[in-house]
Protein backbone atom coordinates (compact mmCIF):
# COMPACT_ATOMS: atom_id res chain seq x y z
CA MET A 1 5.83 -6.95 -1.11
CA GLU A 2 8.41 -4.72 -0.51
CA TYR A 3 7.78 -0.94 -0.23
CA ILE A 4 10.58 1.70 -0.75
CA ILE A 5 9.60 5.12 0.58
CA PHE A 6 12.13 7.68 -0.05
CA GLY A 7 11.85 11.76 -0.25
CA VAL A 8 13.27 14.95 1.08
CA ALA A 9 13.41 16.00 4.57
CA GLY A 10 10.07 16.89 5.80
CA ALA A 11 8.19 15.15 3.01
CA GLY A 12 6.41 12.62 5.40
CA LYS A 13 8.37 9.48 4.55
CA THR A 14 8.29 8.25 8.13
CA ALA A 15 4.49 9.19 8.79
CA LEU A 16 3.53 7.22 5.45
CA ALA A 17 5.77 4.33 6.48
CA GLN A 18 4.09 4.03 9.98
CA ALA A 19 0.67 4.57 8.52
CA LEU A 20 1.49 1.64 5.80
CA ALA A 21 2.83 -0.61 8.49
CA GLU A 22 -0.35 -0.04 10.45
CA ALA A 23 -2.60 -1.00 7.59
CA THR A 24 -0.38 -4.10 6.44
CA ALA A 25 1.29 -5.12 9.79
CA LEU A 26 4.88 -5.07 7.81
CA PRO A 27 7.85 -4.13 9.60
CA VAL A 28 9.44 -0.74 9.08
CA ILE A 29 13.26 -0.39 8.47
CA GLU A 30 14.56 3.21 8.51
CA LEU A 31 18.00 3.14 6.76
CA ASP A 32 19.32 5.86 9.13
CA GLU A 33 18.28 3.69 12.14
CA GLU A 34 19.87 0.89 10.74
CA VAL A 35 23.21 2.65 10.14
CA ALA A 36 23.31 3.84 13.70
CA ARG A 37 22.88 0.45 14.87
CA VAL A 38 25.53 -1.19 12.66
CA ALA A 39 27.79 1.76 12.99
CA GLY A 40 27.29 2.24 16.64
CA GLN A 41 26.77 6.22 15.83
CA PRO A 42 23.85 7.97 14.35
CA VAL A 43 24.37 9.26 10.83
CA GLY A 44 24.61 12.89 12.14
CA GLN A 45 27.52 11.89 14.25
CA ILE A 46 29.08 10.18 11.40
CA LEU A 47 28.73 13.25 9.13
CA VAL A 48 30.43 15.60 11.63
CA ARG A 49 33.26 13.11 12.65
CA GLU A 50 34.00 11.47 9.39
CA GLY A 51 32.52 13.57 6.59
CA THR A 52 29.80 13.09 4.05
CA ASP A 53 31.61 10.47 2.03
CA VAL A 54 31.81 8.19 4.97
CA ALA A 55 28.12 8.68 6.21
CA LEU A 56 26.97 8.23 2.43
CA ARG A 57 29.24 4.95 2.30
CA TRP A 58 27.51 3.63 5.21
CA GLN A 59 24.23 4.44 4.13
CA ARG A 60 24.96 3.27 0.29
CA GLU A 61 26.49 -0.07 1.76
CA LEU A 62 23.59 -0.88 4.14
CA ALA A 63 20.99 0.06 1.66
CA GLU A 64 22.59 -2.25 -1.06
CA GLN A 65 22.54 -5.04 1.41
CA LEU A 66 18.84 -4.52 2.29
CA LEU A 67 17.89 -4.22 -1.44
CA SER A 68 19.91 -7.28 -2.42
CA THR A 69 17.00 -9.54 -1.50
CA LEU A 70 13.35 -9.22 -2.44
CA PRO A 71 10.54 -10.88 -0.97
CA ASP A 72 9.53 -14.00 -2.45
CA GLU A 73 6.54 -13.65 -5.05
CA ASP A 74 4.52 -16.11 -2.97
CA ASP A 75 5.59 -14.82 0.33
CA THR A 76 2.94 -12.92 2.11
CA GLU A 77 6.05 -11.31 4.38
CA GLY A 78 7.62 -8.09 3.03
CA ARG A 79 8.70 -4.85 4.64
CA ILE A 80 9.00 -1.06 4.31
CA LEU A 81 12.01 0.49 3.73
CA VAL A 82 12.74 4.00 4.28
CA LEU A 83 15.53 5.57 2.29
CA GLY A 84 16.89 9.28 2.55
CA PRO A 85 17.10 11.22 -0.37
CA GLU A 86 20.88 11.19 -0.85
CA VAL A 87 21.18 7.49 -0.98
CA VAL A 88 18.45 7.22 -3.72
CA THR A 89 20.62 9.24 -6.17
CA GLN A 90 23.47 6.79 -6.06
CA PRO A 91 24.06 4.90 -9.32
CA GLN A 92 24.46 1.66 -7.46
CA ILE A 93 21.05 1.93 -5.48
CA GLN A 94 19.19 3.48 -8.75
CA LYS A 95 20.42 0.27 -10.71
CA ILE A 96 18.94 -2.00 -7.87
CA LEU A 97 15.56 -0.14 -7.62
CA SER A 98 15.36 -0.14 -11.39
CA ASP A 99 15.02 -3.71 -11.59
CA ASN A 100 11.07 -3.34 -12.31
CA SER A 101 10.01 -6.19 -9.66
CA THR A 102 6.43 -6.75 -9.34
CA SER A 103 7.60 -7.41 -5.49
CA ARG A 104 8.89 -3.94 -5.04
CA VAL A 105 7.14 -0.56 -5.03
CA LEU A 106 8.90 2.58 -5.15
CA VAL A 107 7.15 5.46 -3.39
CA GLU A 108 8.58 8.99 -3.44
CA VAL A 109 6.95 11.06 -0.82
CA THR A 110 6.62 14.79 -1.71
CA ALA A 111 5.16 18.16 -0.42
CA ASP A 112 4.98 21.63 -1.55
CA LEU A 113 7.89 23.97 -0.60
CA ASP A 114 6.34 25.60 2.08
CA THR A 115 5.15 22.52 3.71
CA LEU A 116 8.55 21.07 3.41
CA MET A 117 10.13 24.28 4.88
CA ARG A 118 7.58 24.40 7.88
CA ARG A 119 8.08 20.52 8.49
CA THR A 120 12.02 20.83 8.81
CA GLY A 121 12.01 24.24 10.67
CA LEU A 122 13.35 26.03 7.79
CA ASN A 123 10.75 28.81 7.78
CA ALA A 124 11.64 29.97 11.21
CA PRO A 125 11.83 33.65 11.38
CA ARG A 126 15.12 35.02 10.52
CA THR A 127 16.69 38.32 10.34
CA VAL A 128 18.77 37.79 7.51
CA GLY A 129 18.75 35.45 4.53
CA PHE A 130 15.45 33.77 4.39
CA GLY A 131 15.33 34.28 0.54
CA PRO A 132 18.71 32.62 -0.10
CA LEU A 133 17.75 29.89 2.21
CA ARG A 134 14.52 29.23 0.41
CA ARG A 135 15.97 29.15 -2.89
CA THR A 136 18.77 26.75 -1.69
CA PHE A 137 16.21 24.53 -0.45
CA ALA A 138 14.25 24.76 -3.58
CA THR A 139 17.42 23.96 -5.68
CA MET A 140 18.20 20.94 -3.59
CA VAL A 141 14.63 19.57 -3.98
CA ASP A 142 14.69 20.08 -7.68
CA SER A 143 17.94 18.38 -8.00
CA TYR A 144 16.99 15.50 -5.93
CA ARG A 145 13.74 15.05 -8.14
CA GLN A 146 15.63 15.21 -11.09
CA ALA A 147 18.26 12.58 -10.08
CA TRP A 148 15.26 10.12 -9.39
CA ASP A 149 13.65 10.90 -12.95
CA GLY A 150 14.41 7.53 -14.21
CA LEU A 151 13.01 5.57 -11.51
CA GLU A 152 9.51 4.18 -12.03
CA ARG A 153 7.57 5.29 -9.02
CA GLU A 154 4.52 6.24 -7.15
CA ILE A 155 4.34 9.82 -5.97
CA MET A 156 2.33 10.61 -2.72
CA ASP A 157 2.12 14.15 -2.05
CA THR A 158 1.48 14.72 1.73
CA THR A 159 0.95 18.45 1.66
CA THR A 160 -2.79 18.30 2.45
CA ILE A 161 -3.52 14.39 2.42
CA GLU A 162 -3.02 12.55 5.86
CA ALA A 163 -0.50 9.72 5.92
CA SER A 164 -3.28 7.13 6.51
CA GLN A 165 -5.02 8.27 3.39
CA ASN A 166 -1.99 8.07 1.43
CA ALA A 167 -1.33 4.75 2.77
CA ALA A 168 -4.91 3.60 1.71
CA SER A 169 -4.41 5.14 -1.81
CA LEU A 170 -0.97 3.42 -2.26
CA LEU A 171 -2.35 -0.09 -1.14
CA ALA A 172 -5.01 0.31 -3.95
CA LEU A 173 -2.59 1.10 -6.38
CA VAL A 174 -0.55 -1.93 -5.35
CA ALA A 175 -3.75 -4.00 -5.86
CA ALA A 176 -3.97 -2.86 -9.39
CA ALA A 177 -2.72 -4.99 -12.36
CA ARG A 178 0.64 -3.38 -12.67
CA TYR A 179 1.79 -5.04 -9.52
CA SER A 180 -0.15 -8.23 -9.64
CA LYS A 181 1.61 -11.26 -9.94
CA ALA A 182 2.13 -12.68 -13.73
CA ASP A 183 0.18 -15.86 -14.43
């Protein structure tokens, strides 16, 4: 089984991936860490030195490579892949993610706006501009969610639910008929 976990900054992607890995013993692959390993520099440095397009190209190409193979239906092995929000908006990635394979579970991790802002540090006291920053962040979150609208996915809200509880809920969903193997 392959779990694809994605969401905006502060949603709790990494925490859910770690809790899921603990419950399943599956390896976690974080796309940005994979980019850093292959490119020889963190995504943030690529952004600063080479620009958004280059950083996104690295993410998209590595995501395509990682997503090009699924675990075999009979294979007990699998993995947990953590993707940032922008790469999941890319048409090439959405096409791969829309294949409706029963070996792949798409999981959007979300939280309410106040929680997202607190987790990302965007709610820190500011003397000027808190309102515009909040509106900008809310608009960004909404635009990502709209871009993901066509993807069939599970949505895990981490606002008040611990990662381990969300992982247990996710595993229960996967055990349901929707993800079971065809006879």
